[in-house]
């Protein structure tokens, strides 16, 4: 799975992206946004990677894509701290993370790591039982 990382120049860009994706019948599965140092950054997951790329290029909106992993951890106090400590112990640095949804007392978390650590993180999640789903881009 991939996430689209978009640095937004202004709030109009987000509206344009949302409208254009909707016109192409591309569903935004999940999204997050934050601001740091005066720059708003949006992260989107859609149900159509190629279509989203085409929309963003047509709108001339700069973006990058990043492979992500999805982990499922218990939704209880201390779980996230334990989970991130295990990553630290493996020498894997998280670049981004956020909750996608809560299902049956579990939190599904999207996370990205350095590209060089992707397979190591994927293997660790497989062995540890935290992995929900993954797909490395080809």
Protein backbone atom coordinates (compact mmCIF):
# COMPACT_ATOMS: atom_id res chain seq x y z
CA UNK A 1 0.00 0.00 0.00
CA UNK A 2 1.15 3.53 -0.64
CA UNK A 3 0.43 6.89 0.87
CA UNK A 4 0.45 10.18 -0.99
CA UNK A 5 2.31 12.96 0.82
CA UNK A 6 1.29 16.41 -0.38
CA UNK A 7 2.66 19.75 0.82
CA UNK A 8 -0.21 22.16 0.39
CA UNK A 9 0.57 25.69 -0.71
CA UNK A 10 -2.91 26.86 0.29
CA UNK A 11 -6.28 25.53 1.41
CA UNK A 12 -7.62 25.74 -2.14
CA UNK A 13 -5.35 22.84 -3.16
CA UNK A 14 -7.04 20.43 -0.75
CA UNK A 15 -10.49 21.34 -2.09
CA UNK A 16 -9.28 20.91 -5.69
CA UNK A 17 -7.79 17.50 -4.89
CA UNK A 18 -10.95 16.30 -3.13
CA UNK A 19 -13.22 17.46 -5.94
CA UNK A 20 -11.02 16.02 -8.71
CA UNK A 21 -10.71 12.65 -6.98
CA UNK A 22 -14.48 12.56 -6.51
CA UNK A 23 -15.09 13.38 -10.17
CA UNK A 24 -12.92 10.38 -11.08
CA UNK A 25 -14.84 8.20 -8.59
CA UNK A 26 -11.67 7.69 -6.52
CA UNK A 27 -12.43 7.12 -2.86
CA UNK A 28 -10.21 8.65 -0.17
CA UNK A 29 -9.91 5.67 2.16
CA UNK A 30 -8.10 7.59 4.89
CA UNK A 31 -6.32 10.89 5.33
CA UNK A 32 -4.41 12.95 7.84
CA UNK A 33 -3.05 16.45 7.89
CA UNK A 34 -0.71 18.51 10.00
CA UNK A 35 1.11 21.79 9.92
CA UNK A 36 4.71 22.49 10.86
CA UNK A 37 6.73 25.63 10.26
CA UNK A 38 3.83 27.17 8.37
CA UNK A 39 3.52 24.34 5.84
CA UNK A 40 0.46 22.12 5.74
CA UNK A 41 1.11 18.52 4.80
CA UNK A 42 -1.65 16.11 3.85
CA UNK A 43 -1.36 12.35 3.63
CA UNK A 44 -3.93 10.44 1.59
CA UNK A 45 -4.75 6.79 0.98
CA UNK A 46 -7.06 6.10 -1.93
CA UNK A 47 -8.59 3.05 -3.54
CA UNK A 48 -6.87 3.85 -6.86
CA UNK A 49 -3.14 4.60 -6.84
CA UNK A 50 -2.74 5.13 -10.62
CA UNK A 51 -5.84 7.29 -10.83
CA UNK A 52 -4.70 9.42 -7.90
CA UNK A 53 -1.30 9.94 -9.52
CA UNK A 54 -3.02 11.05 -12.72
CA UNK A 55 -5.28 13.49 -10.86
CA UNK A 56 -2.42 15.06 -8.90
CA UNK A 57 -0.29 15.41 -12.03
CA UNK A 58 -3.20 16.94 -13.98
CA UNK A 59 -3.71 19.47 -11.16
CA UNK A 60 0.05 20.15 -11.16
CA UNK A 61 0.22 19.46 -7.43
CA UNK A 62 3.62 18.24 -6.18
CA UNK A 63 3.46 14.99 -4.23
CA UNK A 64 5.49 11.99 -3.25
CA UNK A 65 4.47 8.43 -2.56
CA UNK A 66 5.72 6.23 0.19
CA UNK A 67 5.27 2.53 0.85
CA UNK A 68 3.46 1.84 4.08
CA UNK A 69 2.75 -1.08 6.31
CA UNK A 70 -0.43 -1.61 8.27
CA UNK A 71 -0.16 -3.09 11.74
CA UNK A 72 -2.90 -4.11 14.13
CA UNK A 73 -2.23 -3.53 17.83
CA UNK A 74 -4.49 -3.92 20.88
CA UNK A 75 -6.46 -0.78 21.70
CA UNK A 76 -5.40 -0.61 25.35
CA UNK A 77 -3.12 1.57 27.48
CA UNK A 78 0.58 1.00 26.83
CA UNK A 79 0.20 -0.93 23.56
CA UNK A 80 1.54 1.85 21.35
CA UNK A 81 4.52 2.42 23.65
CA UNK A 82 5.31 -1.30 23.63
CA UNK A 83 4.90 -1.48 19.86
CA UNK A 84 7.21 1.47 19.17
CA UNK A 85 9.80 0.19 21.66
CA UNK A 86 9.94 -3.09 19.73
CA UNK A 87 10.66 -1.12 16.55
CA UNK A 88 13.38 0.85 18.33
CA UNK A 89 14.90 -2.40 19.63
CA UNK A 90 15.07 -3.68 16.04
CA UNK A 91 16.85 -0.50 14.93
CA UNK A 92 13.92 0.56 12.74
CA UNK A 93 13.01 4.25 12.79
CA UNK A 94 9.39 5.16 12.15
CA UNK A 95 8.95 8.08 9.74
CA UNK A 96 5.20 8.42 10.06
CA UNK A 97 2.34 6.71 11.81
CA UNK A 98 -1.35 7.25 12.38
CA UNK A 99 -4.44 5.30 13.27
CA UNK A 100 -6.55 4.32 10.29
CA UNK A 101 -9.44 2.80 12.23
CA UNK A 102 -10.45 0.90 15.35
CA UNK A 103 -11.84 -2.60 14.84
CA UNK A 104 -12.77 -5.16 17.50
CA UNK A 105 -10.62 -3.67 20.28
CA UNK A 106 -7.64 -3.23 17.93
CA UNK A 107 -6.15 -0.16 16.33
CA UNK A 108 -5.03 -0.46 12.72
CA UNK A 109 -1.99 1.76 12.29
CA UNK A 110 -0.42 2.89 9.03
CA UNK A 111 3.31 3.39 9.33
CA UNK A 112 6.23 4.23 7.13
CA UNK A 113 9.92 3.59 7.63
CA UNK A 114 13.12 4.38 5.75
CA UNK A 115 13.02 2.57 2.41
CA UNK A 116 16.19 0.69 3.38
CA UNK A 117 14.36 -0.69 6.45
CA UNK A 118 11.08 -1.60 4.71
CA UNK A 119 11.74 -5.33 4.30
CA UNK A 120 13.22 -5.56 7.82
CA UNK A 121 10.11 -3.88 9.25
CA UNK A 122 7.83 -6.06 7.16
CA UNK A 123 9.59 -9.22 8.36
CA UNK A 124 9.50 -8.04 11.96
CA UNK A 125 5.76 -7.35 11.75
CA UNK A 126 5.15 -10.76 10.13
CA UNK A 127 7.06 -12.60 12.87
CA UNK A 128 5.66 -10.52 15.73
CA UNK A 129 2.04 -11.01 14.67
CA UNK A 130 1.36 -7.27 14.37
CA UNK A 131 1.10 -7.24 10.58
CA UNK A 132 -2.31 -6.53 9.12
CA UNK A 133 -1.49 -6.19 5.43
CA UNK A 134 1.26 -4.97 3.21
CA UNK A 135 2.15 -4.57 -0.40
CA UNK A 136 5.53 -3.38 -1.63
CA UNK A 137 5.34 -1.29 -4.77
CA UNK A 138 6.83 -2.87 -7.87
